[in-house]
Amino acid sequence: SEIRIAQNKITQSAMIELWRRVSGRSPRVKQMSADELEAMIAAVPGLGLLRAFWLRGETALETATPEAGALYPELRFESIESAFVAMAGAGGRRL
């Protein structure tokens, strides 16, 4: 059985931008074409899983599975933003 935490759906680009805003720092981002990315994935075992998660968005499937907040209203689930604020340390800024 699985549960979903709906508030943590985010694209890779949105996650990078959120980190920039929260931390004031910019991760190293390497721009590449789709063909270059596919060649890299084909050359390195295990990177095919990243395609499923990051490129095809297979972690965001809509299912009949209940959302975690509905099942456990007494629990407070950490958001990506709050995790980034904690990782950014004292320099992090709340949005």
N, C-alpha and C. Protein backbone atom coordinates (compact mmCIF):
# COMPACT_ATOMS: atom_id res chain seq x y z
N SER A 1 0.84 -1.18 0.00
CA SER A 1 0.00 0.00 0.00
C SER A 1 0.88 1.24 0.00
N GLU A 2 0.41 2.29 -0.61
CA GLU A 2 1.17 3.52 -0.68
C GLU A 2 0.31 4.70 -0.29
N ILE A 3 0.95 5.78 0.11
CA ILE A 3 0.26 7.04 0.32
C ILE A 3 1.00 8.11 -0.47
N ARG A 4 0.31 9.16 -0.82
CA ARG A 4 0.92 10.24 -1.58
C ARG A 4 1.03 11.48 -0.70
N ILE A 5 2.07 12.26 -0.90
CA ILE A 5 2.20 13.56 -0.25
C ILE A 5 2.13 14.59 -1.37
N ALA A 6 0.92 15.05 -1.64
CA ALA A 6 0.64 15.86 -2.82
C ALA A 6 1.36 17.20 -2.83
N GLN A 7 1.59 17.80 -1.68
CA GLN A 7 2.20 19.13 -1.68
C GLN A 7 3.64 19.11 -2.16
N ASN A 8 4.25 17.96 -2.30
CA ASN A 8 5.64 17.89 -2.72
C ASN A 8 5.82 17.59 -4.20
N LYS A 9 4.81 17.85 -5.01
CA LYS A 9 4.98 17.73 -6.45
C LYS A 9 5.69 18.99 -6.94
N ILE A 10 6.79 18.81 -7.65
CA ILE A 10 7.55 19.96 -8.13
C ILE A 10 8.38 19.52 -9.33
N THR A 11 8.57 20.43 -10.26
CA THR A 11 9.43 20.13 -11.41
C THR A 11 10.88 20.39 -11.02
N GLN A 12 11.78 19.86 -11.81
CA GLN A 12 13.20 20.06 -11.54
C GLN A 12 13.55 21.54 -11.64
N SER A 13 13.03 22.24 -12.65
CA SER A 13 13.32 23.67 -12.81
C SER A 13 12.78 24.47 -11.63
N ALA A 14 11.57 24.14 -11.19
CA ALA A 14 10.99 24.85 -10.04
C ALA A 14 11.79 24.58 -8.77
N MET A 15 12.31 23.36 -8.63
CA MET A 15 13.11 23.03 -7.45
C MET A 15 14.41 23.83 -7.45
N ILE A 16 15.04 23.97 -8.59
CA ILE A 16 16.28 24.75 -8.68
C ILE A 16 16.00 26.21 -8.35
N GLU A 17 14.93 26.76 -8.90
CA GLU A 17 14.58 28.16 -8.63
C GLU A 17 14.23 28.36 -7.16
N LEU A 18 13.52 27.42 -6.55
CA LEU A 18 13.19 27.51 -5.13
C LEU A 18 14.47 27.51 -4.29
N TRP A 19 15.41 26.64 -4.61
CA TRP A 19 16.68 26.61 -3.87
C TRP A 19 17.40 27.95 -3.99
N ARG A 20 17.40 28.54 -5.18
CA ARG A 20 18.06 29.84 -5.38
C ARG A 20 17.42 30.90 -4.49
N ARG A 21 16.10 30.93 -4.44
CA ARG A 21 15.40 31.94 -3.64
C ARG A 21 15.58 31.71 -2.15
N VAL A 22 15.52 30.48 -1.71
CA VAL A 22 15.60 30.19 -0.27
C VAL A 22 17.02 30.36 0.25
N SER A 23 18.00 29.90 -0.50
CA SER A 23 19.38 29.88 0.00
C SER A 23 20.20 31.09 -0.41
N GLY A 24 19.78 31.75 -1.49
CA GLY A 24 20.60 32.82 -2.02
C GLY A 24 21.78 32.31 -2.81
N ARG A 25 21.83 31.00 -3.01
CA ARG A 25 22.93 30.37 -3.76
C ARG A 25 22.35 29.68 -4.99
N SER A 26 23.22 29.46 -5.95
CA SER A 26 22.78 28.81 -7.17
C SER A 26 23.52 27.50 -7.37
N PRO A 27 22.78 26.40 -7.57
CA PRO A 27 23.47 25.14 -7.85
C PRO A 27 24.11 25.21 -9.23
N ARG A 28 25.13 24.42 -9.42
CA ARG A 28 25.75 24.35 -10.74
C ARG A 28 24.78 23.62 -11.67
N VAL A 29 24.40 24.27 -12.73
CA VAL A 29 23.47 23.69 -13.70
C VAL A 29 24.17 23.63 -15.04
N LYS A 30 24.17 22.46 -15.64
CA LYS A 30 24.78 22.31 -16.95
C LYS A 30 23.66 22.15 -17.97
N GLN A 31 23.57 23.09 -18.86
CA GLN A 31 22.57 23.02 -19.92
C GLN A 31 23.04 22.02 -20.97
N MET A 32 22.11 21.20 -21.45
CA MET A 32 22.43 20.26 -22.52
C MET A 32 21.19 19.98 -23.34
N SER A 33 21.41 19.56 -24.55
CA SER A 33 20.29 19.24 -25.43
C SER A 33 19.68 17.90 -25.02
N ALA A 34 18.49 17.65 -25.53
CA ALA A 34 17.83 16.37 -25.26
C ALA A 34 18.68 15.21 -25.79
N ASP A 35 19.31 15.39 -26.95
CA ASP A 35 20.15 14.33 -27.51
C ASP A 35 21.36 14.05 -26.62
N GLU A 36 21.99 15.11 -26.09
CA GLU A 36 23.13 14.92 -25.19
C GLU A 36 22.70 14.18 -23.91
N LEU A 37 21.54 14.56 -23.39
CA LEU A 37 21.04 13.92 -22.18
C LEU A 37 20.74 12.44 -22.43
N GLU A 38 20.10 12.14 -23.54
CA GLU A 38 19.80 10.74 -23.88
C GLU A 38 21.07 9.93 -24.05
N ALA A 39 22.11 10.52 -24.66
CA ALA A 39 23.38 9.81 -24.82
C ALA A 39 24.02 9.53 -23.46
N MET A 40 23.95 10.49 -22.54
CA MET A 40 24.50 10.29 -21.21
C MET A 40 23.74 9.18 -20.47
N ILE A 41 22.42 9.20 -20.57
CA ILE A 41 21.61 8.18 -19.91
C ILE A 41 21.93 6.79 -20.47
N ALA A 42 22.11 6.70 -21.79
CA ALA A 42 22.41 5.42 -22.41
C ALA A 42 23.79 4.90 -22.00
N ALA A 43 24.73 5.81 -21.71
CA ALA A 43 26.10 5.41 -21.42
C ALA A 43 26.34 5.02 -19.96
N VAL A 44 25.46 5.43 -19.06
CA VAL A 44 25.69 5.20 -17.63
C VAL A 44 24.57 4.34 -17.05
N PRO A 45 24.90 3.13 -16.59
CA PRO A 45 23.87 2.27 -16.00
C PRO A 45 23.21 2.97 -14.80
N GLY A 46 21.93 2.81 -14.70
CA GLY A 46 21.20 3.39 -13.58
C GLY A 46 20.59 4.75 -13.86
N LEU A 47 21.13 5.47 -14.83
CA LEU A 47 20.56 6.79 -15.14
C LEU A 47 19.19 6.68 -15.78
N GLY A 48 18.85 5.50 -16.29
CA GLY A 48 17.51 5.30 -16.84
C GLY A 48 16.43 5.53 -15.80
N LEU A 49 16.74 5.25 -14.54
CA LEU A 49 15.78 5.52 -13.46
C LEU A 49 15.52 7.01 -13.32
N LEU A 50 16.57 7.81 -13.51
CA LEU A 50 16.38 9.26 -13.42
C LEU A 50 15.44 9.76 -14.50
N ARG A 51 15.50 9.13 -15.67
CA ARG A 51 14.58 9.52 -16.74
C ARG A 51 13.15 9.32 -16.26
N ALA A 52 12.89 8.20 -15.63
CA ALA A 52 11.54 7.92 -15.15
C ALA A 52 11.10 8.96 -14.12
N PHE A 53 11.99 9.32 -13.20
CA PHE A 53 11.62 10.24 -12.13
C PHE A 53 11.59 11.70 -12.58
N TRP A 54 12.65 12.15 -13.25
CA TRP A 54 12.79 13.57 -13.54
C TRP A 54 12.24 13.98 -14.89
N LEU A 55 12.41 13.16 -15.90
CA LEU A 55 12.02 13.58 -17.24
C LEU A 55 10.59 13.20 -17.57
N ARG A 56 10.21 11.98 -17.22
CA ARG A 56 8.86 11.52 -17.55
C ARG A 56 7.87 11.79 -16.42
N GLY A 57 8.35 12.16 -15.26
CA GLY A 57 7.47 12.50 -14.14
C GLY A 57 6.69 11.34 -13.59
N GLU A 58 7.26 10.15 -13.61
CA GLU A 58 6.52 8.97 -13.17
C GLU A 58 6.25 8.93 -11.68
N THR A 59 6.81 9.87 -10.93
CA THR A 59 6.48 9.94 -9.50
C THR A 59 5.20 10.73 -9.28
N ALA A 60 4.67 11.33 -10.32
CA ALA A 60 3.49 12.19 -10.18
C ALA A 60 2.24 11.54 -10.77
N LEU A 61 2.20 10.23 -10.79
CA LEU A 61 1.03 9.55 -11.33
C LEU A 61 -0.20 9.84 -10.50
N GLU A 62 -1.31 10.07 -11.17
CA GLU A 62 -2.58 10.25 -10.47
C GLU A 62 -3.19 8.88 -10.26
N THR A 63 -3.44 8.55 -9.02
CA THR A 63 -4.01 7.25 -8.70
C THR A 63 -5.16 7.45 -7.71
N ALA A 64 -5.81 6.37 -7.40
CA ALA A 64 -6.89 6.41 -6.40
C ALA A 64 -6.32 6.33 -4.99
N THR A 65 -5.00 6.32 -4.87
CA THR A 65 -4.36 6.24 -3.56
C THR A 65 -4.66 7.51 -2.77
N PRO A 66 -5.02 7.37 -1.51
CA PRO A 66 -5.34 8.57 -0.72
C PRO A 66 -4.11 9.44 -0.48
N GLU A 67 -4.35 10.73 -0.33
CA GLU A 67 -3.30 11.69 -0.03
C GLU A 67 -2.99 11.61 1.46
N ALA A 68 -1.72 11.70 1.83
CA ALA A 68 -1.28 11.50 3.22
C ALA A 68 -1.96 12.44 4.20
N GLY A 69 -2.13 13.71 3.83
CA GLY A 69 -2.76 14.67 4.72
C GLY A 69 -4.20 14.31 5.06
N ALA A 70 -4.90 13.66 4.13
CA ALA A 70 -6.28 13.24 4.39
C ALA A 70 -6.31 12.04 5.33
N LEU A 71 -5.32 11.17 5.20
CA LEU A 71 -5.26 9.98 6.06
C LEU A 71 -4.79 10.30 7.48
N TYR A 72 -3.86 11.23 7.58
CA TYR A 72 -3.24 11.54 8.87
C TYR A 72 -3.26 13.04 9.12
N PRO A 73 -4.44 13.63 9.36
CA PRO A 73 -4.52 15.08 9.52
C PRO A 73 -3.75 15.60 10.74
N GLU A 74 -3.46 14.75 11.70
CA GLU A 74 -2.73 15.18 12.90
C GLU A 74 -1.23 15.34 12.64
N LEU A 75 -0.73 14.80 11.54
CA LEU A 75 0.69 14.90 11.22
C LEU A 75 0.96 16.10 10.33
N ARG A 76 2.11 16.69 10.52
CA ARG A 76 2.53 17.80 9.67
C ARG A 76 3.66 17.28 8.78
N PHE A 77 3.42 17.23 7.50
CA PHE A 77 4.42 16.73 6.56
C PHE A 77 5.33 17.87 6.14
N GLU A 78 6.62 17.57 6.04
CA GLU A 78 7.58 18.59 5.65
C GLU A 78 7.44 18.87 4.16
N SER A 79 7.49 20.14 3.82
CA SER A 79 7.44 20.53 2.42
C SER A 79 8.86 20.62 1.87
N ILE A 80 8.96 20.66 0.57
CA ILE A 80 10.27 20.84 -0.06
C ILE A 80 10.85 22.17 0.37
N GLU A 81 10.01 23.20 0.43
CA GLU A 81 10.49 24.52 0.84
C GLU A 81 11.07 24.49 2.26
N SER A 82 10.37 23.88 3.21
CA SER A 82 10.89 23.86 4.58
C SER A 82 12.18 23.03 4.67
N ALA A 83 12.29 21.98 3.88
CA ALA A 83 13.54 21.20 3.86
C ALA A 83 14.68 22.04 3.30
N PHE A 84 14.42 22.81 2.26
CA PHE A 84 15.45 23.67 1.68
C PHE A 84 15.87 24.76 2.66
N VAL A 85 14.91 25.34 3.38
CA VAL A 85 15.24 26.36 4.38
C VAL A 85 16.17 25.76 5.43
N ALA A 86 15.85 24.55 5.90
CA ALA A 86 16.70 23.89 6.89
C ALA A 86 18.09 23.60 6.32
N MET A 87 18.16 23.15 5.08
CA MET A 87 19.46 22.83 4.47
C MET A 87 20.28 24.10 4.24
N ALA A 88 19.60 25.20 3.95
CA ALA A 88 20.31 26.45 3.68
C ALA A 88 20.90 27.04 4.95
N GLY A 89 20.42 26.59 6.11
CA GLY A 89 20.97 27.06 7.38
C GLY A 89 20.54 28.48 7.70
N ALA A 90 21.36 29.16 8.45
CA ALA A 90 21.02 30.50 8.92
C ALA A 90 20.86 31.48 7.76
N GLY A 91 21.48 31.18 6.63
CA GLY A 91 21.37 32.08 5.48
C GLY A 91 20.08 31.92 4.71
N GLY A 92 19.29 30.91 5.04
CA GLY A 92 18.04 30.67 4.32
C GLY A 92 17.01 31.73 4.62
N ARG A 93 16.21 32.04 3.62
CA ARG A 93 15.16 33.05 3.77
C ARG A 93 13.83 32.38 3.52
N ARG A 94 12.88 32.66 4.36
CA ARG A 94 11.52 32.13 4.17
C ARG A 94 10.86 32.90 3.04
N LEU A 95 10.16 32.20 2.16
CA LEU A 95 9.48 32.85 1.04
C LEU A 95 8.21 33.50 1.48
